[in-house]
């Protein structure tokens, strides 16, 4: 039951806010309610980490001949780290909002906690059915929040196209259940080998890695807090699925092709991240680049490595995305965030070094270089000039660093909960990977200080080559074509001959069924 309590708390707090808004419109302490709800959730999630595993059946669907599986939650070593990361993000979003308190309203807290609850529900999914329902719920909630926050029609249209791309991931997940285990849906504790490639593609498609496409990058007005939650919470559920899939791995014949696609996404995301004007504009590229490392680890069958890169994406990235004010006393917090990317021994991403373990692959240097570029970009954005809180009240200067410090603290707590990475000989695994990343990062920083840049002609070619705008243009064309077809069909069916056309379509349908043998 403890695994269900964080979700209840994150849903109950917005519910209380809505009731208070109706009963007492003049109430002004919504922020304190949000802090209390997210703090209780964080503490509950921390306690849950010492009582794993837990399985909770949410509903008992019957009859079993129609519903062989019921919605189930599963909290174990693969899901708890991601759920704890999302709970930490929710609390950090609330606490760091004091630096931007005039930009927020009670609706912001309601949206943030609701998205976090949907994210944790998806992460704790114990079987395909639960994850399907959770993904659909989180996508619908994100779409509603975006429509509430943004009034531009073109931006809303792009949001619908992005929603459709995520729906394709849900379809792939459904296909895995229908094709691999028809009538006997499998749980995530016993994934069939035949289903692993479908699960990998479903997660990769929602993250933008397989195939390479930049996830929807349109930002809502509240970019730091709610915007970060809207980007990271849905990604966490897909990263969890990668960790699950890595326990099974994928068939050897298709590994090189998937590895090549992941390498392409990694280098594209890394270049986009380091060249972005600020961390918020580069946020989609950061998620893409780090997710590519997680996908590559899952392809090689290393669940701890996939989990390490996924958590680095959420927690080290979240630290930078929520830091609206940077000043000298926060330097130690950012240093901890940077260490979380290196993969050095005894740092949170040390398990990620399994990506570079034997057998070596032709694309491994690309991942190593991409990791170094991501780290260099992180340093660049972390050290960029920003405002401080010198003119703010003392309680704001206390709460804001606490909200940021929770992210690296939670990152290290999760790392200490996982086993140390060892190779087959009993030695510490692939310690050279982190050292290589540091050397490449130092070289990139040296090149940047010497003001050595790519020629101006190369960057436009790079963007045209890897932006893959043809995919977006194709999606737009399909979206508009479907709209036109629906409009034509509506006009025909609403006209005077609508009944006649309905009869014609019915006759055609019956004829097709008869020809296929279904009509006897």
Protein backbone atom coordinates (compact mmCIF):
# COMPACT_ATOMS: atom_id res chain seq x y z
CA UNK A 1 0.00 0.00 0.00
CA UNK A 2 2.97 2.30 0.61
CA UNK A 3 3.72 2.37 -3.13
CA UNK A 4 0.28 3.87 -3.79
CA UNK A 5 0.56 6.57 -1.11
CA UNK A 6 2.86 8.97 -3.08
CA UNK A 7 0.43 8.96 -6.00
CA UNK A 8 -2.51 9.61 -3.65
CA UNK A 9 -0.68 12.49 -1.97
CA UNK A 10 0.22 14.12 -5.29
CA UNK A 11 -3.40 13.87 -6.46
CA UNK A 12 -4.97 14.78 -3.11
CA UNK A 13 -3.01 18.03 -2.77
CA UNK A 14 -4.30 19.54 -6.06
CA UNK A 15 -7.77 18.28 -5.18
CA UNK A 16 -7.67 20.15 -1.87
CA UNK A 17 -6.48 23.26 -3.69
CA UNK A 18 -9.39 23.09 -6.12
CA UNK A 19 -11.92 22.65 -3.30
CA UNK A 20 -10.44 25.58 -1.37
CA UNK A 21 -10.52 27.71 -4.52
CA UNK A 22 -14.26 27.05 -4.85
CA UNK A 23 -15.13 27.42 -1.16
CA UNK A 24 -12.74 30.26 -0.26
CA UNK A 25 -11.69 32.23 -3.36
CA UNK A 26 -9.64 34.64 -1.24
CA UNK A 27 -7.33 31.94 0.14
CA UNK A 28 -3.66 32.84 -0.44
CA UNK A 29 -1.63 29.98 1.06
CA UNK A 30 -1.66 27.60 -1.89
CA UNK A 31 2.14 27.59 -1.99
CA UNK A 32 2.35 26.21 1.54
CA UNK A 33 -0.10 23.45 0.61
CA UNK A 34 2.03 22.57 -2.41
CA UNK A 35 5.19 22.46 -0.27
CA UNK A 36 3.49 20.27 2.34
CA UNK A 37 2.09 17.82 -0.23
CA UNK A 38 5.32 17.47 -2.22
CA UNK A 39 7.42 17.16 0.98
CA UNK A 40 5.23 14.35 2.35
CA UNK A 41 5.46 12.64 -1.03
CA UNK A 42 9.27 12.86 -1.02
CA UNK A 43 9.52 11.47 2.51
CA UNK A 44 7.09 8.64 1.71
CA UNK A 45 9.04 7.76 -1.41
CA UNK A 46 12.30 7.72 0.57
CA UNK A 47 10.81 5.29 3.13
CA UNK A 48 9.46 3.14 0.29
CA UNK A 49 13.02 2.63 -0.97
CA UNK A 50 13.74 0.48 2.13
CA UNK A 51 10.62 -1.69 1.69
CA UNK A 52 11.00 -3.06 -1.83
CA UNK A 53 9.54 -4.84 -3.70
CA UNK A 54 5.82 -4.09 -3.43
CA UNK A 55 3.00 -5.14 -5.73
CA UNK A 56 -0.47 -3.57 -5.65
CA UNK A 57 -3.41 -4.61 -7.82
CA UNK A 58 -5.43 -1.46 -8.42
CA UNK A 59 -8.54 -3.10 -9.89
CA UNK A 60 -9.78 -6.65 -10.30
CA UNK A 61 -11.19 -6.81 -13.82
CA UNK A 62 -13.42 -9.72 -14.75
CA UNK A 63 -14.18 -12.03 -16.39
CA UNK A 64 -10.63 -13.27 -16.93
CA UNK A 65 -11.55 -14.58 -20.39
CA UNK A 66 -11.96 -10.95 -21.52
CA UNK A 67 -9.49 -9.26 -19.14
CA UNK A 68 -6.59 -11.64 -18.42
CA UNK A 69 -4.64 -8.80 -16.79
CA UNK A 70 -5.67 -6.11 -14.31
CA UNK A 71 -3.99 -2.74 -13.63
CA UNK A 72 -1.10 -3.40 -11.26
CA UNK A 73 1.60 -1.31 -9.63
CA UNK A 74 5.09 -2.71 -9.07
CA UNK A 75 7.67 -0.88 -6.99
CA UNK A 76 11.09 -2.54 -7.15
CA UNK A 77 14.76 -1.77 -7.75
CA UNK A 78 14.08 -0.86 -11.40
CA UNK A 79 11.19 1.55 -10.80
CA UNK A 80 11.80 3.13 -7.41
CA UNK A 81 14.86 5.23 -8.51
CA UNK A 82 12.85 6.87 -11.32
CA UNK A 83 9.82 7.44 -9.08
CA UNK A 84 12.03 8.96 -6.39
CA UNK A 85 13.64 11.20 -9.02
CA UNK A 86 10.22 12.48 -10.17
CA UNK A 87 9.15 13.08 -6.56
CA UNK A 88 12.39 15.03 -6.01
CA UNK A 89 11.77 17.05 -9.15
CA UNK A 90 8.26 17.94 -7.96
CA UNK A 91 9.53 19.14 -4.58
CA UNK A 92 12.43 21.03 -6.19
CA UNK A 93 10.10 22.75 -8.67
CA UNK A 94 7.96 23.97 -5.76
CA UNK A 95 10.88 25.08 -3.58
CA UNK A 96 12.89 26.84 -6.31
CA UNK A 97 9.77 28.69 -7.47
CA UNK A 98 10.34 31.19 -4.65
CA UNK A 99 12.87 32.86 -6.96
CA UNK A 100 10.01 33.40 -9.45
CA UNK A 101 7.09 33.58 -7.05
CA UNK A 102 5.40 36.47 -8.86
CA UNK A 103 5.21 34.43 -12.08
CA UNK A 104 3.20 31.59 -10.56
CA UNK A 105 -0.36 31.00 -9.44
CA UNK A 106 -2.24 28.18 -7.71
CA UNK A 107 -2.91 26.65 -11.14
CA UNK A 108 0.83 26.13 -11.58
CA UNK A 109 1.11 24.05 -8.41
CA UNK A 110 -1.97 22.02 -9.37
CA UNK A 111 -0.53 21.26 -12.82
CA UNK A 112 2.96 20.43 -11.51
CA UNK A 113 1.77 17.96 -8.88
CA UNK A 114 -0.75 16.35 -11.25
CA UNK A 115 1.90 15.73 -13.91
CA UNK A 116 4.24 14.30 -11.25
CA UNK A 117 1.52 11.91 -10.03
CA UNK A 118 0.86 10.68 -13.57
CA UNK A 119 4.59 10.21 -14.10
CA UNK A 120 4.99 8.10 -10.95
CA UNK A 121 1.90 6.07 -11.88
CA UNK A 122 3.47 5.28 -15.27
CA UNK A 123 6.82 4.42 -13.67
CA UNK A 124 5.25 1.99 -11.19
CA UNK A 125 3.32 0.18 -13.96
CA UNK A 126 3.57 -3.55 -13.36
CA UNK A 127 2.35 -4.76 -16.75
CA UNK A 128 1.61 -3.61 -20.29
CA UNK A 129 -1.99 -2.71 -19.57
CA UNK A 130 -1.11 -0.37 -16.71
CA UNK A 131 1.62 1.36 -18.71
CA UNK A 132 -0.71 1.82 -21.68
CA UNK A 133 -3.33 3.50 -19.50
CA UNK A 134 -0.72 5.61 -17.68
CA UNK A 135 0.94 6.80 -20.89
CA UNK A 136 -2.42 7.77 -22.34
CA UNK A 137 -3.31 9.63 -19.13
CA UNK A 138 -0.04 11.55 -18.90
CA UNK A 139 -0.19 12.55 -22.59
CA UNK A 140 -3.77 13.75 -22.19
CA UNK A 141 -2.93 15.75 -19.05
CA UNK A 142 0.07 17.36 -20.79
CA UNK A 143 -2.04 18.27 -23.81
CA UNK A 144 -4.75 19.85 -21.62
CA UNK A 145 -2.20 21.86 -19.64
CA UNK A 146 -0.59 23.09 -22.84
CA UNK A 147 -3.94 24.16 -24.29
CA UNK A 148 -4.70 26.06 -21.07
CA UNK A 149 -1.32 27.83 -21.03
CA UNK A 150 -0.91 28.58 -24.78
CA UNK A 151 -3.42 30.37 -26.99
CA UNK A 152 -1.46 30.42 -30.27
CA UNK A 153 -3.25 28.23 -32.83
CA UNK A 154 -0.10 27.17 -34.71
CA UNK A 155 1.58 26.10 -31.46
CA UNK A 156 -1.51 24.09 -30.53
CA UNK A 157 -1.43 22.40 -33.93
CA UNK A 158 2.20 21.37 -33.39
CA UNK A 159 1.25 20.03 -29.96
CA UNK A 160 -1.36 17.80 -31.58
CA UNK A 161 1.25 16.47 -34.02
CA UNK A 162 3.62 15.73 -31.11
CA UNK A 163 0.78 14.03 -29.26
CA UNK A 164 0.28 11.82 -32.31
CA UNK A 165 3.96 10.84 -32.31
CA UNK A 166 3.69 9.75 -28.69
CA UNK A 167 0.53 7.85 -29.54
CA UNK A 168 2.63 5.86 -32.02
CA UNK A 169 4.72 4.71 -29.06
CA UNK A 170 1.56 3.55 -27.31
CA UNK A 171 0.54 1.65 -30.45
CA UNK A 172 3.93 -0.11 -30.51
CA UNK A 173 3.49 -1.09 -26.87
CA UNK A 174 0.03 -2.44 -27.65
CA UNK A 175 1.44 -4.31 -30.65
CA UNK A 176 3.96 -6.02 -28.37
CA UNK A 177 1.14 -7.41 -26.28
CA UNK A 178 -1.00 -8.45 -29.24
CA UNK A 179 1.70 -10.11 -31.34
CA UNK A 180 4.03 -11.59 -28.74
CA UNK A 181 1.60 -12.69 -26.03
CA UNK A 182 -1.97 -12.68 -27.40
CA UNK A 183 -4.50 -13.40 -24.68
CA UNK A 184 -1.77 -13.66 -22.02
CA UNK A 185 -0.33 -10.18 -21.30
CA UNK A 186 3.08 -10.42 -19.67
CA UNK A 187 4.26 -8.51 -16.64
CA UNK A 188 7.47 -6.50 -16.54
CA UNK A 189 9.05 -9.04 -14.20
CA UNK A 190 8.94 -11.66 -16.97
CA UNK A 191 9.41 -9.96 -20.36
CA UNK A 192 9.52 -12.34 -23.35
CA UNK A 193 12.62 -11.98 -25.48
CA UNK A 194 10.46 -11.51 -28.58
CA UNK A 195 8.82 -8.42 -27.05
CA UNK A 196 12.02 -6.58 -26.14
CA UNK A 197 12.52 -4.92 -29.52
CA UNK A 198 8.94 -3.59 -29.51
CA UNK A 199 9.35 -2.18 -26.01
CA UNK A 200 12.70 -0.64 -26.95
CA UNK A 201 11.21 1.01 -30.04
CA UNK A 202 8.18 2.25 -28.09
CA UNK A 203 10.37 3.94 -25.47
CA UNK A 204 12.83 5.19 -28.08
CA UNK A 205 10.05 6.68 -30.18
CA UNK A 206 8.61 8.63 -27.24
CA UNK A 207 12.09 9.89 -26.33
CA UNK A 208 12.96 10.87 -29.92
CA UNK A 209 15.86 8.40 -30.27
CA UNK A 210 14.44 5.55 -32.41
CA UNK A 211 14.07 6.90 -35.02
CA UNK A 212 15.85 10.20 -34.49
CA UNK A 213 13.42 13.09 -34.16
CA UNK A 214 13.42 16.08 -31.86
CA UNK A 215 10.56 15.84 -29.37
CA UNK A 216 8.05 18.68 -29.32
CA UNK A 217 10.08 21.71 -28.26
CA UNK A 218 7.39 24.38 -28.00
CA UNK A 219 7.58 25.90 -24.54
CA UNK A 220 4.76 27.10 -22.32
CA UNK A 221 5.11 30.52 -20.62
CA UNK A 222 6.25 28.97 -17.30
CA UNK A 223 9.43 27.44 -18.69
CA UNK A 224 11.50 26.77 -15.57
CA UNK A 225 9.16 24.92 -13.22
CA UNK A 226 6.09 23.50 -14.92
CA UNK A 227 7.87 23.37 -18.27
CA UNK A 228 10.65 21.21 -16.81
CA UNK A 229 8.14 18.87 -15.17
CA UNK A 230 6.22 18.52 -18.44
CA UNK A 231 9.44 17.52 -20.22
CA UNK A 232 11.07 15.28 -17.60
CA UNK A 233 8.17 13.36 -16.00
CA UNK A 234 6.95 11.76 -19.28
CA UNK A 235 10.57 11.01 -20.21
CA UNK A 236 11.05 9.22 -16.87
CA UNK A 237 8.37 6.64 -17.67
CA UNK A 238 10.01 5.86 -21.03
CA UNK A 239 13.46 5.64 -19.42
CA UNK A 240 12.00 3.17 -16.90
CA UNK A 241 10.81 0.98 -19.77
CA UNK A 242 14.34 1.02 -21.21
CA UNK A 243 15.71 -0.29 -17.91
CA UNK A 244 13.10 -3.06 -17.91
CA UNK A 245 13.95 -3.97 -21.50
CA UNK A 246 17.68 -4.03 -20.77
CA UNK A 247 17.16 -7.00 -18.44
CA UNK A 248 16.25 -9.03 -21.53
CA UNK A 249 18.26 -7.32 -24.28
CA UNK A 250 17.53 -7.45 -27.98
CA UNK A 251 18.38 -10.02 -30.64
CA UNK A 252 21.99 -9.92 -31.80
CA UNK A 253 21.29 -9.51 -35.56
CA UNK A 254 19.50 -6.16 -35.14
CA UNK A 255 21.76 -4.71 -32.45
CA UNK A 256 24.17 -2.94 -34.88
CA UNK A 257 21.32 -1.12 -36.63
CA UNK A 258 19.71 0.04 -33.39
CA UNK A 259 23.14 0.99 -32.04
CA UNK A 260 23.80 3.13 -35.12
CA UNK A 261 20.47 4.97 -34.70
CA UNK A 262 21.22 5.58 -31.02
CA UNK A 263 24.70 6.91 -31.87
CA UNK A 264 23.18 9.30 -34.43
CA UNK A 265 20.73 10.60 -31.83
CA UNK A 266 23.48 10.95 -29.21
CA UNK A 267 25.78 13.11 -31.34
CA UNK A 268 22.91 15.18 -32.71
CA UNK A 269 21.54 15.84 -29.21
CA UNK A 270 25.03 16.67 -27.88
CA UNK A 271 25.75 19.19 -30.65
CA UNK A 272 22.33 20.80 -30.22
CA UNK A 273 22.87 21.03 -26.46
CA UNK A 274 26.30 22.66 -26.56
CA UNK A 275 25.30 25.17 -29.27
CA UNK A 276 22.01 26.20 -27.62
CA UNK A 277 21.88 29.81 -26.44
CA UNK A 278 20.71 28.77 -22.97
CA UNK A 279 19.81 25.63 -21.05
CA UNK A 280 16.05 25.98 -21.62
CA UNK A 281 16.41 26.20 -25.40
CA UNK A 282 18.77 23.24 -25.24
CA UNK A 283 16.53 21.17 -22.95
CA UNK A 284 15.07 18.94 -25.73
CA UNK A 285 18.61 18.26 -26.98
CA UNK A 286 19.81 17.34 -23.47
CA UNK A 287 16.97 14.84 -23.05
CA UNK A 288 17.65 13.44 -26.52
CA UNK A 289 21.40 13.05 -25.96
CA UNK A 290 21.16 11.48 -22.50
CA UNK A 291 18.27 9.23 -23.57
CA UNK A 292 20.41 7.98 -26.46
CA UNK A 293 23.04 6.79 -23.94
CA UNK A 294 20.28 5.02 -21.99
CA UNK A 295 18.95 3.40 -25.18
CA UNK A 296 22.43 2.21 -26.17
CA UNK A 297 22.92 0.66 -22.72
CA UNK A 298 19.57 -1.12 -23.03
CA UNK A 299 20.55 -2.47 -26.45
CA UNK A 300 23.71 -3.94 -24.93
CA UNK A 301 21.65 -5.49 -22.11
CA UNK A 302 22.98 -3.41 -19.18
CA UNK A 303 19.99 -2.32 -17.02
CA UNK A 304 22.10 -0.53 -14.39
CA UNK A 305 23.89 1.48 -17.07
CA UNK A 306 20.58 2.45 -18.72
CA UNK A 307 19.21 3.47 -15.34
CA UNK A 308 22.32 5.51 -14.53
CA UNK A 309 22.07 7.59 -17.72
CA UNK A 310 18.30 7.98 -17.30
CA UNK A 311 18.67 9.33 -13.76
CA UNK A 312 21.46 11.66 -14.87
CA UNK A 313 19.12 13.01 -17.52
CA UNK A 314 16.45 13.74 -14.91
CA UNK A 315 18.42 14.91 -11.87
CA UNK A 316 21.54 16.59 -13.25
CA UNK A 317 19.45 18.09 -16.04
CA UNK A 318 16.69 19.15 -13.65
CA UNK A 319 19.26 20.95 -11.48
CA UNK A 320 20.29 23.14 -14.39
CA UNK A 321 16.77 23.71 -15.73
CA UNK A 322 15.45 24.91 -12.35
CA UNK A 323 18.38 27.24 -11.59
CA UNK A 324 16.96 30.60 -12.58
CA UNK A 325 19.52 32.33 -10.31
CA UNK A 326 23.19 31.29 -10.22
CA UNK A 327 25.69 32.74 -7.77
CA UNK A 328 28.98 31.75 -6.14
CA UNK A 329 27.60 30.07 -3.02
CA UNK A 330 25.73 27.58 -5.24
CA UNK A 331 28.94 26.42 -6.93
CA UNK A 332 29.24 23.25 -4.81
CA UNK A 333 25.72 22.18 -5.89
CA UNK A 334 26.58 22.57 -9.56
CA UNK A 335 29.87 20.71 -9.06
CA UNK A 336 27.89 17.76 -7.69
CA UNK A 337 25.59 17.98 -10.70
CA UNK A 338 28.56 17.95 -13.09
CA UNK A 339 30.14 14.97 -11.31
CA UNK A 340 26.91 13.10 -11.92
CA UNK A 341 27.65 13.15 -15.66
CA UNK A 342 31.29 12.04 -15.65
CA UNK A 343 30.89 8.32 -14.96
CA UNK A 344 33.92 8.41 -12.66
CA UNK A 345 34.19 5.83 -9.85
CA UNK A 346 31.90 6.46 -6.87
CA UNK A 347 29.83 9.05 -8.75
CA UNK A 348 26.13 8.51 -9.61
CA UNK A 349 26.76 7.62 -13.27
CA UNK A 350 29.48 5.06 -12.52
CA UNK A 351 27.09 2.27 -13.47
CA UNK A 352 26.79 3.96 -16.85
CA UNK A 353 30.37 2.87 -17.60
CA UNK A 354 28.95 -0.55 -18.51
CA UNK A 355 28.02 1.03 -21.84
CA UNK A 356 31.72 1.02 -22.74
CA UNK A 357 32.38 -2.52 -21.51
CA UNK A 358 33.37 -5.40 -23.77
CA UNK A 359 32.49 -6.41 -26.37
CA UNK A 360 33.61 -3.14 -27.90
CA UNK A 361 31.61 -1.68 -30.77
CA UNK A 362 32.44 0.60 -33.67
CA UNK A 363 30.00 3.24 -32.37
CA UNK A 364 31.27 3.36 -28.77
CA UNK A 365 33.69 6.27 -29.47
CA UNK A 366 30.69 8.28 -30.73
CA UNK A 367 28.92 7.76 -27.40
CA UNK A 368 32.07 8.67 -25.50
CA UNK A 369 32.49 11.88 -27.49
CA UNK A 370 28.78 12.68 -27.14
CA UNK A 371 29.01 12.28 -23.37
CA UNK A 372 31.98 14.66 -23.29
CA UNK A 373 30.13 17.22 -25.44
CA UNK A 374 27.08 16.98 -23.16
CA UNK A 375 29.31 17.58 -20.14
CA UNK A 376 31.04 20.53 -21.84
CA UNK A 377 27.67 22.06 -22.67
CA UNK A 378 26.56 21.51 -19.07
CA UNK A 379 29.62 23.43 -17.84
CA UNK A 380 28.94 26.21 -20.33
CA UNK A 381 25.31 26.65 -19.28
CA UNK A 382 26.05 26.26 -15.56
CA UNK A 383 28.72 28.97 -15.63
CA UNK A 384 26.70 31.38 -17.78
CA UNK A 385 25.94 34.77 -16.31
CA UNK A 386 22.66 34.91 -14.44
CA UNK A 387 20.78 36.93 -11.86
CA UNK A 388 21.17 36.43 -8.12
CA UNK A 389 18.91 36.79 -5.08
CA UNK A 390 20.80 39.57 -3.36
CA UNK A 391 17.73 41.77 -3.11
CA UNK A 392 15.37 39.01 -1.96
CA UNK A 393 14.17 38.20 1.52
CA UNK A 394 16.23 35.89 3.71
CA UNK A 395 13.73 33.00 3.62
CA UNK A 396 13.86 33.02 -0.19
CA UNK A 397 17.69 32.85 -0.12
CA UNK A 398 17.33 29.82 2.19
CA UNK A 399 14.58 27.87 0.43
CA UNK A 400 15.93 28.29 -3.11
CA UNK A 401 19.35 26.58 -2.52
CA UNK A 402 17.54 23.84 -0.59
CA UNK A 403 15.36 23.12 -3.62
CA UNK A 404 18.41 22.89 -5.90
CA UNK A 405 20.48 20.87 -3.43
CA UNK A 406 17.80 18.18 -3.17
CA UNK A 407 18.50 17.08 -6.76
CA UNK A 408 22.20 16.06 -6.42
CA UNK A 409 21.47 14.78 -2.90
CA UNK A 410 18.79 12.44 -4.24
CA UNK A 411 21.06 11.45 -7.12
CA UNK A 412 23.75 10.27 -4.72
CA UNK A 413 21.20 8.59 -2.42
CA UNK A 414 19.92 6.53 -5.35
CA UNK A 415 23.48 5.68 -6.41
CA UNK A 416 24.30 4.40 -2.92
CA UNK A 417 21.22 2.16 -3.07
CA UNK A 418 22.48 0.35 -6.20
CA UNK A 419 25.32 -2.20 -6.29
CA UNK A 420 28.83 -1.20 -7.29
CA UNK A 421 29.68 -1.93 -10.96
CA UNK A 422 32.09 -4.84 -11.26
CA UNK A 423 33.31 -6.64 -14.33
CA UNK A 424 33.82 -10.39 -14.74
CA UNK A 425 37.28 -10.29 -13.19
CA UNK A 426 36.06 -8.69 -9.95
CA UNK A 427 37.76 -5.34 -10.62
CA UNK A 428 35.96 -2.05 -10.81
CA UNK A 429 34.41 -1.79 -14.25
CA UNK A 430 35.63 0.49 -17.01
CA UNK A 431 37.17 3.20 -14.83
CA UNK A 432 38.90 4.51 -17.96
CA UNK A 433 35.63 5.73 -19.47
CA UNK A 434 35.17 8.58 -16.99
CA UNK A 435 38.82 9.58 -17.33
CA UNK A 436 38.50 9.64 -21.13
CA UNK A 437 35.41 11.86 -20.87
CA UNK A 438 37.34 14.29 -18.65
CA UNK A 439 40.23 14.44 -21.14
CA UNK A 440 37.92 15.06 -24.12
CA UNK A 441 35.98 17.67 -22.12
CA UNK A 442 39.21 19.48 -21.23
CA UNK A 443 40.20 19.43 -24.90
CA UNK A 444 36.82 20.86 -25.93
CA UNK A 445 37.11 23.61 -23.33
CA UNK A 446 40.60 24.44 -24.59
CA UNK A 447 39.31 24.65 -28.16
CA UNK A 448 36.47 26.88 -27.02
CA UNK A 449 38.85 29.23 -25.19
CA UNK A 450 41.03 29.51 -28.30
CA UNK A 451 37.91 30.65 -30.13
CA UNK A 452 38.18 27.81 -32.62
CA UNK A 453 34.77 27.16 -34.15
CA UNK A 454 33.43 25.23 -37.08
CA UNK A 455 33.30 27.22 -40.33
CA UNK A 456 30.02 29.08 -40.79
CA UNK A 457 29.24 27.00 -43.89
CA UNK A 458 29.34 23.69 -41.99
CA UNK A 459 26.69 24.44 -39.34
CA UNK A 460 23.79 25.01 -41.79
CA UNK A 461 24.74 21.77 -43.57
CA UNK A 462 24.83 19.97 -40.20
CA UNK A 463 21.41 21.28 -39.25
CA UNK A 464 19.88 20.31 -42.58
CA UNK A 465 21.49 16.87 -42.39
CA UNK A 466 20.46 15.96 -38.86
CA UNK A 467 17.41 18.05 -38.07
CA UNK A 468 15.29 15.66 -40.14
CA UNK A 469 12.70 18.34 -40.78
CA UNK A 470 11.30 16.14 -43.51
CA UNK A 471 9.76 14.01 -40.77
CA UNK A 472 8.03 17.02 -39.27
CA UNK A 473 6.90 18.21 -42.71
CA UNK A 474 5.54 14.74 -43.46
CA UNK A 475 3.67 14.69 -40.15
CA UNK A 476 2.23 18.14 -40.87
CA UNK A 477 1.14 17.03 -44.35
CA UNK A 478 -0.52 13.88 -43.00
CA UNK A 479 -2.20 15.86 -40.23
CA UNK A 480 -3.65 18.42 -42.65
CA UNK A 481 -4.64 15.73 -45.18
CA UNK A 482 -6.54 13.80 -42.53
CA UNK A 483 -8.25 17.02 -41.49
CA UNK A 484 -9.33 17.71 -45.07
CA UNK A 485 -10.63 14.15 -45.54
CA UNK A 486 -12.62 14.37 -42.31
CA UNK A 487 -14.04 17.75 -43.35
CA UNK A 488 -15.08 16.38 -46.77
CA UNK A 489 -16.65 13.30 -45.19
CA UNK A 490 -18.50 15.46 -42.69
CA UNK A 491 -19.93 17.67 -45.41
CA UNK A 492 -21.04 14.64 -47.43
CA UNK A 493 -22.67 12.85 -44.49
CA UNK A 494 -24.42 16.01 -43.26
CA UNK A 495 -25.86 16.76 -46.72
CA UNK A 496 -29.19 15.69 -48.11
CA UNK A 497 -27.70 12.46 -49.46
CA UNK A 498 -26.09 11.48 -46.18
CA UNK A 499 -28.36 8.51 -45.57
CA UNK A 500 -27.76 7.22 -49.10
CA UNK A 501 -23.98 7.46 -48.68
CA UNK A 502 -24.22 5.64 -45.34
CA UNK A 503 -26.09 2.79 -47.03
CA UNK A 504 -23.46 2.61 -49.81
CA UNK A 505 -20.63 2.42 -47.24
CA UNK A 506 -22.51 -0.28 -45.33
CA UNK A 507 -22.95 -2.38 -48.52
CA UNK A 508 -19.23 -2.01 -49.32
CA UNK A 509 -18.26 -3.06 -45.77
CA UNK A 510 -20.52 -6.13 -45.89
CA UNK A 511 -19.06 -7.07 -49.29
CA UNK A 512 -15.49 -6.87 -47.98
CA UNK A 513 -16.35 -9.02 -44.96
CA UNK A 514 -18.02 -11.60 -47.20
CA UNK A 515 -14.99 -11.77 -49.51
CA UNK A 516 -12.64 -12.34 -46.56
CA UNK A 517 -14.67 -15.36 -45.47
CA UNK A 518 -16.24 -13.75 -42.40
CA UNK A 519 -19.67 -13.72 -44.00
CA UNK A 520 -19.95 -17.51 -44.41
